[in-house]
Amino acid sequence: MNVRDFRAGKYLAAVYMEKQADTPFLLTPNGDDDSDGLLKKNSRIISGSEYQNKTANATPLRETKLIVMFCPSRKDCGTSYAEKPGIFNGCEWSDCELTGDQGRIPETTVVVIKHQHPYIEWPTVRFPNQTYIHMLEERPCPELWWVAKYDDKINLTWNYRYDADIPLHVSVIEKDNPEKGRYVPRIPLANKTKAVAWAVSHCNAESKRDVYVAELSKYIDVDIYGKCGTLECPQVSSLQCADEWEKQYKFYLAFENGICKDYVTEKLYRTLDREMIPVVLGGADYNVVSPPHSNINVKDYKSPKELASFLHQLGQNEDEYYEYFQWKQRYRFTLTINENCKLCEIAHNMEKWARPAHHNYYQWYMYVCQNNLVDEMRKEGNW
């Protein structure tokens, strides 16, 4: 005998299927009649004692949970992806349905806002048992002023922050079977004829990374690719460009456009995945977000001139240069969670994930940046 619990309107019912017959028996514990027409014609209401007898040896099955992606339009929600079969395959909690159909919001307890939009129109009716999740991967910036509208509406925060309700970031973990011996680079240092590469399309960023690079360029060659530079990569994709750069360059500038708490982007991991040493500027704790002795942090140097001097020295010392790749023998990267699996887990465990709406969501999200860092470094280093 199979049992499946479900909620529909004011009824909390249990559905049974007899082995001998396909007649479903439904119970309304408070004794309500069927004035709403919920029960099917071949159903009957049973007593509490009969309910207990029939479920004594029953095996409970998980109910399929509905998750609705709420966006300004179905296209924005990526509905074709959301409604693709099998997206929960392999998850511990897999009995879920994900849709971008806004009309089904009254049916669900989990509503996900995945895409940023300043003029989002909230559902006209919000039910007390619903949890609203906001997925926001962007760093704080003036263009996201509209996040203030989300105060007292968002129950769960989902972003790159380590203190988010649901943190989504890359984690550094030890390999199950660390490799023995020293890591031998595929590309010998002697083959690298250029010093520093930087690809950037967001000019004059809030982090003032452009100011730092301008000063750094006085003391070491920095080749700048993209809209903010004079060079172009002939390859089709950024990954193919990075493959070419690692053959020529010793270092790559992984400078973020905002120096915000925990914020680090693919610039770092794309470089670490290759044989260039990333030089980093950002607000994350790089001892946490990257393997030990894998990057060079500009904060450790009084000035761009001092950093350039160190890069010149390191780029001429093969043994010291190769030390920055030895972590590859022991560590690897992984995402903290699978997005689809996590959503389904939450939908099935609302008693664990239920939260009151965040009253100061905007303040928590926005006021965590230190974009005056370069100015402070200039003052302290007198450059």
Protein backbone atom coordinates (compact mmCIF):
# COMPACT_ATOMS: atom_id res chain seq x y z
CA MET A 1 0.00 0.00 0.00
CA ASN A 2 1.44 3.38 -0.98
CA VAL A 3 0.85 6.61 0.86
CA ARG A 4 1.31 10.16 -0.41
CA ASP A 5 0.57 13.27 1.63
CA PHE A 6 -0.53 16.45 -0.05
CA ARG A 7 -1.98 19.86 0.71
CA ALA A 8 -4.82 21.31 -1.36
CA GLY A 9 -6.76 24.34 -0.19
CA LYS A 10 -8.04 23.76 3.37
CA TYR A 11 -7.66 20.00 3.15
CA LEU A 12 -4.75 18.07 4.58
CA ALA A 13 -5.40 14.66 3.13
CA ALA A 14 -3.83 11.26 2.71
CA VAL A 15 -4.26 9.27 -0.47
CA TYR A 16 -4.23 5.47 -0.51
CA MET A 17 -4.27 2.93 -3.29
CA GLU A 18 -5.46 -0.55 -2.31
CA LYS A 19 -3.59 -3.48 -3.82
CA GLN A 20 -6.89 -5.15 -4.66
CA ALA A 21 -8.62 -2.07 -6.08
CA ASP A 22 -7.74 1.38 -7.37
CA THR A 23 -10.24 3.13 -5.11
CA PRO A 24 -8.54 6.09 -3.37
CA PHE A 25 -9.62 6.83 0.21
CA LEU A 26 -9.27 10.44 1.36
CA LEU A 27 -9.42 11.73 4.88
CA THR A 28 -10.19 15.27 6.00
CA PRO A 29 -9.14 15.19 9.67
CA ASN A 30 -11.36 18.10 10.71
CA GLY A 31 -14.48 16.41 9.28
CA ASP A 32 -15.11 18.98 6.55
CA ASP A 33 -17.51 17.99 3.82
CA ASP A 34 -16.63 18.04 0.15
CA SER A 35 -18.40 21.29 -0.68
CA ASP A 36 -15.36 22.45 -2.66
CA GLY A 37 -15.54 19.39 -4.89
CA LEU A 38 -12.04 18.21 -3.94
CA LEU A 39 -12.90 14.52 -3.68
CA LYS A 40 -13.29 12.39 -6.76
CA LYS A 41 -16.50 10.50 -7.42
CA ASN A 42 -14.94 7.16 -6.55
CA SER A 43 -13.64 8.43 -3.17
CA ARG A 44 -15.07 8.26 0.31
CA ILE A 45 -14.22 9.87 3.64
CA ILE A 46 -12.84 7.47 6.25
CA SER A 47 -12.64 7.69 10.02
CA GLY A 48 -9.50 8.33 12.05
CA SER A 49 -9.35 4.70 13.30
CA GLU A 50 -9.71 3.34 9.78
CA TYR A 51 -6.99 5.77 8.66
CA GLN A 52 -4.59 4.42 11.32
CA ASN A 53 -5.37 0.80 10.46
CA LYS A 54 -4.77 1.30 6.76
CA THR A 55 -1.45 3.16 7.27
CA ALA A 56 0.03 0.85 9.91
CA ASN A 57 2.25 -0.97 7.43
CA ALA A 58 2.38 1.66 4.71
CA THR A 59 5.65 2.89 3.20
CA PRO A 60 5.70 6.70 2.81
CA LEU A 61 6.70 8.20 -0.53
CA ARG A 62 8.05 11.70 -1.05
CA GLU A 63 5.65 14.17 -2.52
CA THR A 64 6.74 15.94 -5.68
CA LYS A 65 7.47 19.53 -4.70
CA LEU A 66 6.87 22.44 -7.03
CA ILE A 67 9.45 25.24 -7.31
CA VAL A 68 8.58 28.38 -9.27
CA MET A 69 11.18 30.69 -10.83
CA PHE A 70 9.75 34.21 -10.59
CA CYS A 71 10.98 36.65 -13.23
CA PRO A 72 9.61 39.54 -15.29
CA SER A 73 9.00 37.11 -18.18
CA ARG A 74 9.20 33.40 -18.86
CA LYS A 75 12.15 34.07 -21.14
CA ASP A 76 14.07 35.73 -18.31
CA CYS A 77 13.54 32.65 -16.18
CA GLY A 78 15.08 30.34 -18.71
CA THR A 79 11.84 28.36 -18.78
CA SER A 80 13.05 25.94 -21.42
CA TYR A 81 15.82 24.93 -19.02
CA ALA A 82 13.65 24.96 -15.92
CA GLU A 83 11.11 22.61 -17.44
CA LYS A 84 13.66 20.25 -18.97
CA PRO A 85 13.18 16.68 -17.68
CA GLY A 86 15.87 15.14 -15.53
CA ILE A 87 17.40 18.27 -14.02
CA PHE A 88 17.12 16.70 -10.55
CA ASN A 89 18.59 13.34 -11.56
CA GLY A 90 21.35 12.27 -9.20
CA CYS A 91 20.16 14.51 -6.36
CA GLU A 92 19.49 13.11 -2.90
CA TRP A 93 16.16 14.95 -3.06
CA SER A 94 14.91 14.53 -6.61
CA ASP A 95 11.11 14.57 -6.35
CA CYS A 96 10.73 18.15 -7.57
CA GLU A 97 9.31 20.10 -10.48
CA LEU A 98 10.87 23.40 -11.54
CA THR A 99 8.87 25.80 -13.68
CA GLY A 100 8.88 29.39 -14.86
CA ASP A 101 5.09 29.48 -15.05
CA GLN A 102 4.19 32.48 -12.87
CA GLY A 103 0.57 31.37 -12.76
CA ARG A 104 1.52 28.44 -10.58
CA ILE A 105 2.90 30.55 -7.71
CA PRO A 106 -0.19 29.88 -5.53
CA GLU A 107 0.59 26.15 -5.73
CA THR A 108 4.13 26.32 -4.34
CA THR A 109 5.92 27.01 -1.07
CA VAL A 110 9.21 27.95 -2.79
CA VAL A 111 9.55 30.95 -5.09
CA VAL A 112 12.97 31.71 -6.57
CA ILE A 113 13.99 35.09 -7.94
CA LYS A 114 17.07 34.34 -9.98
CA HIS A 115 17.54 37.31 -12.25
CA GLN A 116 17.98 40.90 -11.18
CA HIS A 117 15.35 43.32 -12.35
CA PRO A 118 14.63 46.84 -11.06
CA TYR A 119 10.95 46.90 -11.99
CA ILE A 120 9.83 43.49 -10.86
CA GLU A 121 6.14 43.26 -10.03
CA TRP A 122 5.61 41.09 -7.00
CA PRO A 123 2.77 38.57 -6.92
CA THR A 124 -0.47 40.23 -5.81
CA VAL A 125 -1.00 37.51 -3.21
CA ARG A 126 1.71 35.96 -1.08
CA PHE A 127 0.82 33.04 1.13
CA PRO A 128 2.19 32.77 4.70
CA ASN A 129 3.82 29.39 4.07
CA GLN A 130 5.82 30.59 1.05
CA THR A 131 9.58 31.12 1.13
CA TYR A 132 11.14 33.59 -1.31
CA ILE A 133 14.75 32.93 -2.32
CA HIS A 134 16.85 35.59 -4.02
CA MET A 135 19.75 34.36 -6.15
CA LEU A 136 22.12 37.25 -6.74
CA GLU A 137 25.60 36.59 -8.09
CA GLU A 138 26.58 40.20 -8.80
CA ARG A 139 28.65 42.27 -6.40
CA PRO A 140 27.16 45.40 -4.80
CA CYS A 141 27.17 48.41 -7.12
CA PRO A 142 25.09 51.61 -7.57
CA GLU A 143 23.15 50.03 -10.45
CA LEU A 144 21.60 47.58 -7.98
CA TRP A 145 19.77 50.28 -6.02
CA TRP A 146 16.55 48.37 -6.57
CA VAL A 147 17.62 45.65 -4.11
CA ALA A 148 16.20 48.00 -1.46
CA LYS A 149 12.77 46.99 -2.77
CA TYR A 150 13.45 43.46 -1.56
CA ASP A 151 13.60 44.38 2.13
CA ASP A 152 10.96 42.45 4.11
CA LYS A 153 10.33 40.20 1.10
CA ILE A 154 13.29 37.83 0.88
CA ASN A 155 13.47 34.87 3.26
CA LEU A 156 16.66 33.21 2.02
CA THR A 157 19.73 34.87 0.50
CA TRP A 158 21.63 32.86 -2.10
CA ASN A 159 24.88 34.33 -3.38
CA TYR A 160 28.68 34.22 -3.26
CA ARG A 161 28.88 35.55 0.31
CA TYR A 162 30.08 33.09 2.95
CA ASP A 163 27.50 34.46 5.39
CA ALA A 164 24.56 34.07 2.97
CA ASP A 165 21.76 31.72 3.98
CA ILE A 166 22.83 29.58 1.02
CA PRO A 167 26.46 30.30 0.05
CA LEU A 168 27.34 29.51 -3.56
CA HIS A 169 31.04 29.76 -4.24
CA VAL A 170 34.04 27.75 -5.34
CA SER A 171 35.72 25.77 -2.57
CA VAL A 172 39.28 24.52 -2.38
CA ILE A 173 39.43 20.91 -1.22
CA GLU A 174 42.11 18.27 -0.96
CA LYS A 175 42.20 15.60 -3.62
CA ASP A 176 41.10 12.14 -2.58
CA ASN A 177 44.39 10.79 -3.91
CA PRO A 178 47.04 13.52 -3.81
CA GLU A 179 49.73 13.12 -6.44
CA LYS A 180 53.23 12.34 -5.26
CA GLY A 181 56.37 14.24 -6.10
CA ARG A 182 56.73 17.73 -7.48
CA TYR A 183 54.49 19.25 -10.10
CA VAL A 184 56.33 19.64 -13.38
CA PRO A 185 54.81 22.41 -15.53
CA ARG A 186 53.80 21.56 -19.10
CA ILE A 187 55.16 24.89 -20.28
CA PRO A 188 58.75 25.62 -19.23
CA LEU A 189 59.39 29.06 -17.80
CA ALA A 190 62.06 29.58 -20.46
CA ASN A 191 59.34 29.45 -23.13
CA LYS A 192 57.44 32.35 -21.60
CA THR A 193 58.76 35.52 -23.19
CA LYS A 194 56.25 38.04 -21.82
CA ALA A 195 55.65 39.32 -18.32
CA VAL A 196 52.05 40.27 -17.49
CA ALA A 197 48.70 39.92 -19.28
CA TRP A 198 45.39 41.55 -18.40
CA ALA A 199 42.06 41.22 -20.20
CA VAL A 200 39.47 43.83 -19.27
CA SER A 201 36.31 45.26 -20.82
CA HIS A 202 34.93 47.22 -17.84
CA CYS A 203 37.02 50.40 -17.85
CA ASN A 204 37.35 52.83 -14.94
CA ALA A 205 35.94 50.31 -12.48
CA GLU A 206 34.97 51.28 -8.95
CA SER A 207 37.92 49.35 -7.55
CA LYS A 208 40.25 51.78 -9.38
CA ARG A 209 42.20 48.84 -10.70
CA ASP A 210 42.93 50.91 -13.83
CA VAL A 211 44.82 53.40 -11.66
CA TYR A 212 46.91 50.65 -10.12
CA VAL A 213 47.72 49.06 -13.49
CA ALA A 214 48.71 52.40 -14.96
CA GLU A 215 51.31 52.81 -12.21
CA LEU A 216 52.41 49.17 -12.41
CA SER A 217 52.99 49.52 -16.16
CA LYS A 218 55.74 52.07 -15.48
CA TYR A 219 57.92 49.33 -14.01
CA ILE A 220 56.97 46.12 -15.83
CA ASP A 221 55.38 45.36 -19.19
CA VAL A 222 51.62 44.80 -18.93
CA ASP A 223 49.81 43.77 -22.12
CA ILE A 224 46.17 44.84 -21.90
CA TYR A 225 43.57 43.00 -24.00
CA GLY A 226 39.94 43.95 -24.60
CA LYS A 227 37.97 47.19 -24.73
CA CYS A 228 40.19 48.92 -22.17
CA GLY A 229 43.47 48.01 -23.87
CA THR A 230 45.18 48.12 -27.23
CA LEU A 231 45.40 44.39 -27.92
CA GLU A 232 42.87 41.87 -29.13
CA CYS A 233 42.82 38.12 -28.76
CA PRO A 234 42.24 36.41 -32.13
CA GLN A 235 40.64 33.38 -30.50
CA VAL A 236 36.88 32.78 -30.44
CA SER A 237 36.42 32.39 -26.68
CA SER A 238 38.00 33.78 -23.52
CA LEU A 239 39.04 30.25 -22.54
CA GLN A 240 40.91 29.82 -25.81
CA CYS A 241 42.58 33.18 -25.22
CA ALA A 242 43.70 32.06 -21.77
CA ASP A 243 45.13 28.89 -23.32
CA GLU A 244 47.24 31.05 -25.61
CA TRP A 245 48.28 33.49 -22.90
CA GLU A 246 49.64 30.81 -20.60
CA LYS A 247 52.12 29.84 -23.32
CA GLN A 248 53.54 33.36 -23.42
CA TYR A 249 52.93 35.10 -20.08
CA LYS A 250 54.31 34.49 -16.63
CA PHE A 251 51.63 36.42 -14.73
CA TYR A 252 47.99 37.41 -15.14
CA LEU A 253 46.18 40.26 -13.38
CA ALA A 254 43.04 38.87 -11.71
CA PHE A 255 41.80 42.29 -10.58
CA GLU A 256 38.14 42.57 -9.55
CA ASN A 257 35.99 45.54 -10.58
CA GLY A 258 34.81 45.92 -7.00
CA ILE A 259 36.64 45.24 -3.74
CA CYS A 260 33.76 43.66 -1.86
CA LYS A 261 33.49 41.10 0.90
CA ASP A 262 34.01 37.52 -0.37
CA TYR A 263 33.67 38.64 -3.99
CA VAL A 264 35.90 36.75 -6.41
CA THR A 265 35.18 35.87 -10.03
CA GLU A 266 36.25 33.42 -12.70
CA LYS A 267 39.33 35.57 -13.40
CA LEU A 268 41.11 33.88 -10.51
CA TYR A 269 40.05 30.30 -11.18
CA ARG A 270 40.55 30.53 -14.93
CA THR A 271 44.15 31.55 -14.25
CA LEU A 272 44.75 28.97 -11.53
CA ASP A 273 43.51 26.30 -13.90
CA ARG A 274 46.44 27.16 -16.16
CA GLU A 275 50.14 27.78 -15.75
CA MET A 276 50.20 31.49 -15.06
CA ILE A 277 50.50 32.98 -11.60
CA PRO A 278 47.50 35.21 -10.77
CA VAL A 279 48.22 38.60 -9.27
CA VAL A 280 45.09 39.45 -7.29
CA LEU A 281 43.26 42.59 -6.19
CA GLY A 282 39.92 42.15 -4.46
CA GLY A 283 37.95 41.95 -1.24
CA ALA A 284 38.00 38.18 -0.73
CA ASP A 285 40.25 36.37 1.71
CA TYR A 286 42.57 34.80 -0.84
CA ASN A 287 43.93 32.40 1.77
CA VAL A 288 40.45 30.88 1.83
CA VAL A 289 39.30 31.13 -1.79
CA SER A 290 42.52 29.83 -3.35
CA PRO A 291 45.11 27.13 -2.55
CA PRO A 292 48.14 27.96 -0.43
CA HIS A 293 51.00 29.71 -2.21
CA SER A 294 49.08 29.98 -5.48
CA ASN A 295 48.74 33.75 -6.03
CA ILE A 296 50.38 37.11 -5.42
CA ASN A 297 48.29 39.70 -3.56
CA VAL A 298 48.94 43.37 -4.31
CA LYS A 299 48.03 44.18 -0.69
CA ASP A 300 51.32 42.61 0.38
CA TYR A 301 53.34 45.28 -1.42
CA LYS A 302 53.66 48.95 -0.54
CA SER A 303 53.51 50.11 -4.12
CA PRO A 304 53.16 48.90 -7.72
CA LYS A 305 56.89 49.58 -8.10
CA GLU A 306 57.69 47.17 -5.27
CA LEU A 307 55.34 44.56 -6.74
CA ALA A 308 56.95 44.94 -10.18
CA SER A 309 60.38 44.40 -8.67
CA PHE A 310 59.21 41.16 -7.09
CA LEU A 311 57.62 39.96 -10.34
CA HIS A 312 60.84 40.63 -12.26
CA GLN A 313 62.82 38.63 -9.71
CA LEU A 314 60.33 35.74 -9.57
CA GLY A 315 60.04 35.54 -13.34
CA GLN A 316 63.76 34.89 -13.61
CA ASN A 317 63.97 32.19 -10.94
CA GLU A 318 62.64 28.87 -12.22
CA ASP A 319 62.59 27.07 -8.86
CA GLU A 320 60.74 29.85 -7.05
CA TYR A 321 58.35 30.34 -9.96
CA TYR A 322 57.41 26.65 -10.04
CA GLU A 323 56.63 26.71 -6.30
CA TYR A 324 53.42 28.58 -7.17
CA PHE A 325 52.12 25.49 -9.00
CA GLN A 326 52.92 22.80 -6.43
CA TRP A 327 49.43 23.07 -4.94
CA LYS A 328 48.14 21.31 -8.07
CA GLN A 329 49.44 18.01 -6.68
CA ARG A 330 47.21 18.19 -3.61
CA TYR A 331 44.21 20.47 -4.15
CA ARG A 332 41.29 20.90 -6.51
CA PHE A 333 38.25 23.18 -6.89
CA THR A 334 34.58 22.39 -6.55
CA LEU A 335 31.32 24.31 -6.25
CA THR A 336 29.90 24.25 -2.74
CA ILE A 337 26.48 23.09 -3.94
CA ASN A 338 24.55 21.89 -6.97
CA GLU A 339 21.92 24.55 -7.63
CA ASN A 340 19.11 22.23 -8.65
CA CYS A 341 19.77 19.69 -5.90
CA LYS A 342 19.84 22.41 -3.26
CA LEU A 343 16.51 23.86 -4.39
CA CYS A 344 14.86 20.46 -4.20
CA GLU A 345 16.36 19.80 -0.77
CA ILE A 346 14.98 23.09 0.51
CA ALA A 347 11.53 22.40 -0.92
CA HIS A 348 11.39 19.09 0.94
CA ASN A 349 12.73 20.45 4.23
CA MET A 350 10.90 23.71 4.79
CA GLU A 351 10.80 23.17 8.55
CA LYS A 352 14.60 23.52 8.48
CA TRP A 353 14.84 26.36 5.96
CA ALA A 354 11.88 28.52 6.99
CA ARG A 355 13.04 32.06 7.89
CA PRO A 356 11.30 35.37 8.49
CA ALA A 357 11.86 37.91 5.73
CA HIS A 358 15.14 39.84 5.96
CA HIS A 359 14.33 43.33 7.22
CA ASN A 360 17.72 44.88 6.33
CA TYR A 361 18.54 42.84 3.23
CA TYR A 362 19.69 45.86 1.24
CA GLN A 363 22.04 47.08 3.96
CA TRP A 364 23.49 43.60 4.47
CA TYR A 365 24.09 43.19 0.77
CA MET A 366 25.31 46.65 -0.24
CA TYR A 367 27.59 48.03 2.47
CA VAL A 368 30.49 45.56 2.34
CA CYS A 369 32.89 47.11 -0.19
CA GLN A 370 36.21 48.89 0.21
CA ASN A 371 36.59 50.54 -3.16
CA ASN A 372 38.88 53.22 -1.73
CA LEU A 373 41.62 50.62 -1.15
CA VAL A 374 43.80 51.76 -4.05
CA ASP A 375 43.56 55.38 -2.86
CA GLU A 376 44.63 54.27 0.62
CA MET A 377 47.54 52.29 -0.85
CA ARG A 378 48.64 55.34 -2.85
CA LYS A 379 48.61 57.46 0.26
CA GLU A 380 50.49 54.97 2.39
CA GLY A 381 52.99 54.04 -0.32
CA ASN A 382 53.46 57.61 -1.52
CA TRP A 383 53.00 56.83 -5.19
